Protein backbone atom coordinates (compact mmCIF):
# COMPACT_ATOMS: atom_id res chain seq x y z
CA UNK A 1 122.10 79.72 83.44
CA UNK A 2 119.05 79.05 85.71
CA UNK A 3 119.49 82.33 87.51
CA UNK A 4 119.59 84.17 84.22
CA UNK A 5 116.11 82.80 83.39
CA UNK A 6 114.59 83.97 86.48
CA UNK A 7 116.09 87.46 85.86
CA UNK A 8 114.89 87.15 82.34
CA UNK A 9 111.34 86.40 83.26
CA UNK A 10 111.37 89.52 85.70
CA UNK A 11 112.66 91.92 83.08
CA UNK A 12 110.19 90.59 80.59
CA UNK A 13 107.24 90.92 82.96
CA UNK A 14 107.94 94.56 84.03
CA UNK A 15 109.18 95.71 80.59
CA UNK A 16 105.79 94.23 79.48
CA UNK A 17 103.85 96.08 82.59
CA UNK A 18 105.64 99.25 81.50
CA UNK A 19 104.66 98.89 78.07
CA UNK A 20 100.95 98.34 78.85
CA UNK A 21 101.05 101.58 80.82
CA UNK A 22 101.38 103.10 77.25
CA UNK A 23 98.31 101.93 76.33
CA UNK A 24 96.13 103.15 79.13
CA UNK A 25 95.29 106.36 77.20
CA UNK A 26 93.48 104.44 74.46
CA UNK A 27 92.14 101.31 76.27
CA UNK A 28 92.20 102.36 80.12
CA UNK A 29 93.63 100.14 82.73
CA UNK A 30 90.66 97.75 82.46
CA UNK A 31 90.95 97.56 78.60
CA UNK A 32 94.86 96.82 78.64
CA UNK A 33 94.14 94.07 81.43
CA UNK A 34 91.44 92.27 79.59
CA UNK A 35 93.24 92.18 76.23
CA UNK A 36 96.45 91.13 77.95
CA UNK A 37 94.53 88.10 79.93
CA UNK A 38 92.43 87.12 76.82
CA UNK A 39 95.27 87.27 74.42
CA UNK A 40 97.46 85.16 76.60
CA UNK A 41 94.54 82.84 77.19
CA UNK A 42 94.37 82.20 73.55
CA UNK A 43 98.00 81.56 73.23
CA UNK A 44 97.97 79.05 76.34
CA UNK A 45 94.91 77.37 75.07
CA UNK A 46 96.69 76.89 71.61
CA UNK A 47 99.81 75.39 73.30
CA UNK A 48 98.02 73.08 76.07
CA UNK A 49 94.28 72.58 74.55
CA UNK A 50 92.81 72.04 78.10
CA UNK A 51 89.91 69.76 78.57
CA UNK A 52 86.91 70.90 80.30
CA UNK A 53 87.28 68.21 82.77
CA UNK A 54 88.40 67.53 86.34
CA UNK A 55 88.53 70.26 89.16
CA UNK A 56 87.11 73.03 87.23
CA UNK A 57 85.79 75.03 90.20
CA UNK A 58 89.46 75.05 91.50
CA UNK A 59 90.70 76.35 88.03
CA UNK A 60 87.98 79.08 87.96
CA UNK A 61 88.67 80.21 91.60
CA UNK A 62 92.54 80.48 90.41
CA UNK A 63 91.05 82.47 87.34
CA UNK A 64 89.19 84.90 89.45
CA UNK A 65 92.37 85.64 91.71
CA UNK A 66 94.36 86.00 88.38
CA UNK A 67 91.93 88.35 86.66
CA UNK A 68 91.43 90.78 89.81
CA UNK A 69 95.17 90.50 90.42
CA UNK A 70 95.81 91.78 86.99
CA UNK A 71 93.22 94.48 86.70
CA UNK A 72 93.91 95.78 90.44
CA UNK A 73 97.60 96.23 89.51
CA UNK A 74 96.91 97.96 86.21
CA UNK A 75 94.56 100.26 88.13
CA UNK A 76 97.45 100.95 90.26
CA UNK A 77 100.14 101.56 87.76
CA UNK A 78 97.60 104.16 86.16
CA UNK A 79 97.95 106.10 89.54
CA UNK A 80 101.29 105.55 90.90
CA UNK A 81 104.83 104.66 89.36
CA UNK A 82 105.38 101.22 88.22
CA UNK A 83 107.82 100.63 90.67
CA UNK A 84 105.95 101.76 93.73
CA UNK A 85 103.11 99.81 92.40
CA UNK A 86 104.96 96.65 92.20
CA UNK A 87 106.79 97.12 95.35
CA UNK A 88 103.51 97.46 97.31
CA UNK A 89 102.09 94.46 95.49
CA UNK A 90 105.07 92.37 96.73
CA UNK A 91 103.40 92.54 100.27
CA UNK A 92 101.20 89.60 99.03
CA UNK A 93 104.04 86.83 98.55
CA UNK A 94 105.95 88.24 101.70
CA UNK A 95 103.06 87.41 103.69
CA UNK A 96 102.50 83.94 102.09
CA UNK A 97 106.31 83.41 102.99
CA UNK A 98 106.12 83.98 106.54
CA UNK A 99 102.64 83.22 107.33
CA UNK A 100 102.21 80.95 110.23
CA UNK A 101 105.86 81.44 111.14
CA UNK A 102 106.83 81.90 114.71
CA UNK A 103 110.50 82.64 113.97
CA UNK A 104 111.60 86.33 115.26
CA UNK A 105 113.52 86.78 112.05
CA UNK A 106 110.33 86.39 109.96
CA UNK A 107 108.63 89.10 111.83
CA UNK A 108 111.61 91.45 111.22
CA UNK A 109 111.15 90.91 107.57
CA UNK A 110 107.60 91.98 107.78
CA UNK A 111 108.41 94.89 109.79
CA UNK A 112 111.06 96.06 107.54
CA UNK A 113 108.70 95.54 104.32
CA UNK A 114 106.00 97.41 106.17
CA UNK A 115 108.19 100.22 106.79
CA UNK A 116 109.13 100.49 103.08
CA UNK A 117 105.58 100.26 102.23
CA UNK A 118 104.69 103.01 104.43
CA UNK A 119 107.25 105.13 103.08
CA UNK A 120 106.02 104.82 99.68
CA UNK A 121 102.47 105.24 100.32
CA UNK A 122 103.39 108.54 102.21
CA UNK A 123 100.31 108.59 104.51
CA UNK A 124 99.08 112.40 105.18
CA UNK A 125 101.74 113.68 102.84
CA UNK A 126 99.63 113.73 99.70
CA UNK A 127 102.44 113.10 97.11
CA UNK A 128 101.11 109.49 96.30
CA UNK A 129 97.64 108.99 94.71
CA UNK A 130 95.61 107.04 97.75
CA UNK A 131 93.57 105.14 95.19
CA UNK A 132 96.57 103.78 93.46
CA UNK A 133 97.99 102.54 96.84
CA UNK A 134 94.74 100.75 97.68
CA UNK A 135 94.57 99.19 94.26
CA UNK A 136 98.04 97.80 94.66
CA UNK A 137 97.25 96.52 98.26
CA UNK A 138 94.29 94.91 96.50
CA UNK A 139 96.65 93.38 94.14
CA UNK A 140 98.57 92.06 96.91
CA UNK A 141 95.84 90.40 98.48
CA UNK A 142 94.94 88.69 95.19
CA UNK A 143 98.38 87.83 94.80
CA UNK A 144 98.36 85.71 97.96
CA UNK A 145 95.27 83.98 96.78
CA UNK A 146 96.80 83.31 93.32
CA UNK A 147 99.77 81.66 95.37
CA UNK A 148 97.57 79.23 97.20
CA UNK A 149 95.20 78.34 94.43
CA UNK A 150 97.95 78.09 91.82
CA UNK A 151 99.74 75.48 93.84
CA UNK A 152 96.58 73.49 94.16
CA UNK A 153 95.79 74.17 90.27
CA UNK A 154 99.21 73.05 89.34
CA UNK A 155 98.89 69.85 91.15
CA UNK A 156 95.40 69.25 89.86
CA UNK A 157 96.01 69.68 86.19
CA UNK A 158 98.77 68.37 83.70
CA UNK A 159 101.28 70.96 82.32
CA UNK A 160 100.02 74.51 81.93
CA UNK A 161 96.44 73.31 81.23
CA UNK A 162 95.10 74.50 84.52
CA UNK A 163 96.76 77.96 83.92
CA UNK A 164 94.98 78.11 80.37
CA UNK A 165 91.60 77.59 81.88
CA UNK A 166 92.40 79.97 84.54
CA UNK A 167 93.62 82.57 82.11
CA UNK A 168 90.37 82.52 80.03
CA UNK A 169 88.32 82.83 83.43
CA UNK A 170 90.32 85.79 84.40
CA UNK A 171 89.89 87.72 81.10
CA UNK A 172 85.96 86.87 81.60
CA UNK A 173 86.21 88.76 85.28
CA UNK A 174 87.89 91.47 83.49
CA UNK A 175 85.70 91.84 80.68
CA UNK A 176 83.17 94.34 81.94
CA UNK A 177 85.98 96.99 83.02
CA UNK A 178 87.45 96.32 79.75
CA UNK A 179 84.14 97.08 77.83
CA UNK A 180 83.56 100.22 80.18
CA UNK A 181 87.08 101.37 79.55
CA UNK A 182 88.36 100.33 76.12
CA UNK A 183 85.12 100.32 74.33
CA UNK A 184 85.48 100.10 70.56
CA UNK A 185 89.22 100.62 70.73
CA UNK A 186 89.54 97.03 71.93
CA UNK A 187 89.17 95.90 68.37
CA UNK A 188 91.52 98.25 66.71
CA UNK A 189 94.07 96.27 65.02
CA UNK A 190 97.25 98.26 66.06
CA UNK A 191 96.05 98.15 69.58
CA UNK A 192 95.33 94.60 69.34
CA UNK A 193 99.05 93.98 67.96
CA UNK A 194 100.49 96.11 71.07
CA UNK A 195 98.40 94.14 73.59
CA UNK A 196 99.59 90.98 72.09
CA UNK A 197 103.12 92.11 72.71
CA UNK A 198 102.26 92.87 76.35
CA UNK A 199 100.46 89.35 76.56
CA UNK A 200 103.49 87.64 75.45
CA UNK A 201 105.95 89.81 77.30
CA UNK A 202 103.87 89.86 80.78
CA UNK A 203 102.44 86.35 80.83
CA UNK A 204 103.30 83.77 78.31
CA UNK A 205 107.23 84.03 78.55
CA UNK A 206 107.76 85.09 81.97
CA UNK A 207 105.73 81.96 83.24
CA UNK A 208 107.35 79.82 80.95
CA UNK A 209 110.81 80.97 81.96
CA UNK A 210 110.01 80.71 85.57
CA UNK A 211 108.89 77.15 85.24
CA UNK A 212 111.94 76.25 83.64
CA UNK A 213 114.21 77.92 86.25
CA UNK A 214 112.02 75.94 88.78
CA UNK A 215 113.02 72.85 87.61
CA UNK A 216 116.88 73.74 87.96
CA UNK A 217 117.16 75.89 91.07
CA UNK A 218 116.63 75.48 95.00
CA UNK A 219 113.21 77.14 96.08
CA UNK A 220 115.29 79.56 98.23
CA UNK A 221 117.46 80.70 95.30
CA UNK A 222 114.44 81.18 92.92
CA UNK A 223 112.71 83.20 95.86
CA UNK A 224 115.54 85.42 96.42
CA UNK A 225 115.95 86.14 92.74
CA UNK A 226 112.33 86.72 92.23
CA UNK A 227 112.48 89.30 95.22
CA UNK A 228 114.42 91.49 92.79
CA UNK A 229 111.33 92.22 90.77
CA UNK A 230 110.44 95.72 92.50
CA UNK A 231 113.93 96.96 91.65
CA UNK A 232 113.41 95.50 88.17
CA UNK A 233 109.93 97.44 87.94
CA UNK A 234 111.60 100.80 89.11
CA UNK A 235 114.35 100.29 86.29
CA UNK A 236 111.70 99.45 83.71
CA UNK A 237 109.65 102.48 84.92
CA UNK A 238 112.23 104.64 84.38
CA UNK A 239 113.67 103.23 81.27
CA UNK A 240 110.21 103.01 79.50
CA UNK A 241 108.06 105.48 81.06
CA UNK A 242 110.72 108.08 82.36
CA UNK A 243 109.41 107.50 86.01
CA UNK A 244 112.27 108.58 88.11
CA UNK A 245 111.93 107.80 91.59
CA UNK A 246 113.49 109.98 94.30
CA UNK A 247 115.92 108.68 97.10
CA UNK A 248 113.35 108.18 99.73
CA UNK A 249 111.35 105.71 97.31
CA UNK A 250 114.59 103.96 96.23
CA UNK A 251 115.47 103.13 99.67
CA UNK A 252 112.02 102.06 100.55
CA UNK A 253 112.14 99.90 97.41
CA UNK A 254 115.43 98.45 98.55
CA UNK A 255 113.77 97.70 102.05
CA UNK A 256 110.91 95.53 100.52
CA UNK A 257 113.36 93.88 98.23
CA UNK A 258 115.77 92.71 101.21
CA UNK A 259 112.74 91.91 103.26
CA UNK A 260 111.28 89.70 100.42
CA UNK A 261 114.71 88.14 99.69
CA UNK A 262 115.22 87.35 103.48
CA UNK A 263 111.69 85.85 103.95
CA UNK A 264 111.81 83.86 100.95
CA UNK A 265 115.39 82.36 101.78
CA UNK A 266 114.48 81.60 105.46
CA UNK A 267 111.12 80.18 104.72
CA UNK A 268 112.45 77.87 101.90
CA UNK A 269 114.96 76.62 104.58
C-alpha cells in the first residue's frame, strides 16, 4: 500500500508534466510553469492558511529554488523529450545522496549515472538540443538546493505551511518569464482550467502522497521507489506525447535509475 503511494505520486507527477508540455504552444514553458506554481500556491494556502511569521527568509529561499527548478525543467521539456529531461535532472538528488561519502560504491553510482547522462546528452552528436540539456542540468542543481532548503523548511514550519509560502514565492520568481511567454493567454479560462489540472497532478497530489508514504516506509525503500521516476517519465512521455525513446536512450535511463536506486539505498543505510 505505502509503495503504491510512491508509485502513484510519480505517475501523477510525470503525467502532469506531460500534460503541461501540451500547453507550451499557447503559454510557453514560462507561462505553464507560472500557472502551475501560482495555482498550486492558491490550493496550498487554502489548505494550510500559513501565517507570515517565523523563518520567512528560509521559506523565501526555498521558494526561489522551487520556482527556478520548475521553470528550468519546463524549459528543458520544451526542447528535449520528457524522459531525457527528467533523467538528467535526477543528477541533483543523486549527488545529494552521495555527497560527502567516502564509500567506493557511492563513487560507482555517480560514474554509472554520469555515463547515462552523457549518453543522453550526446555531446558532439547533435541529436539532442544542447540548451535543453543545459536547462535540465540547471534543474538538477536547483533540485539539490530544493532538498537542502526543503528539509530545513519542513522543520521550521508546521504541516505544509512552509511549502505553501515557498510555492507563492516560486510563482513570483517565475512571473516575469510567465508574462513574457504567456501574455494575455494566462487569463484564458480554458488554459487556466488545464493549468489547474497540471498544478493538482504535478504539485498538490504528489507532495501529499509522498508525505503520507514517508510516514509508512523506511527512507531507503522510499528512495529506491522514487528512483523509478525517470522510467515513469519516459513512459508518460511516450503515452501522452508520443515521445518514443530509442534503445540507446532507454539503456541510459536505466543506468541512471539503477544508480539513483543504489545511492538512495546505500546512503539511507
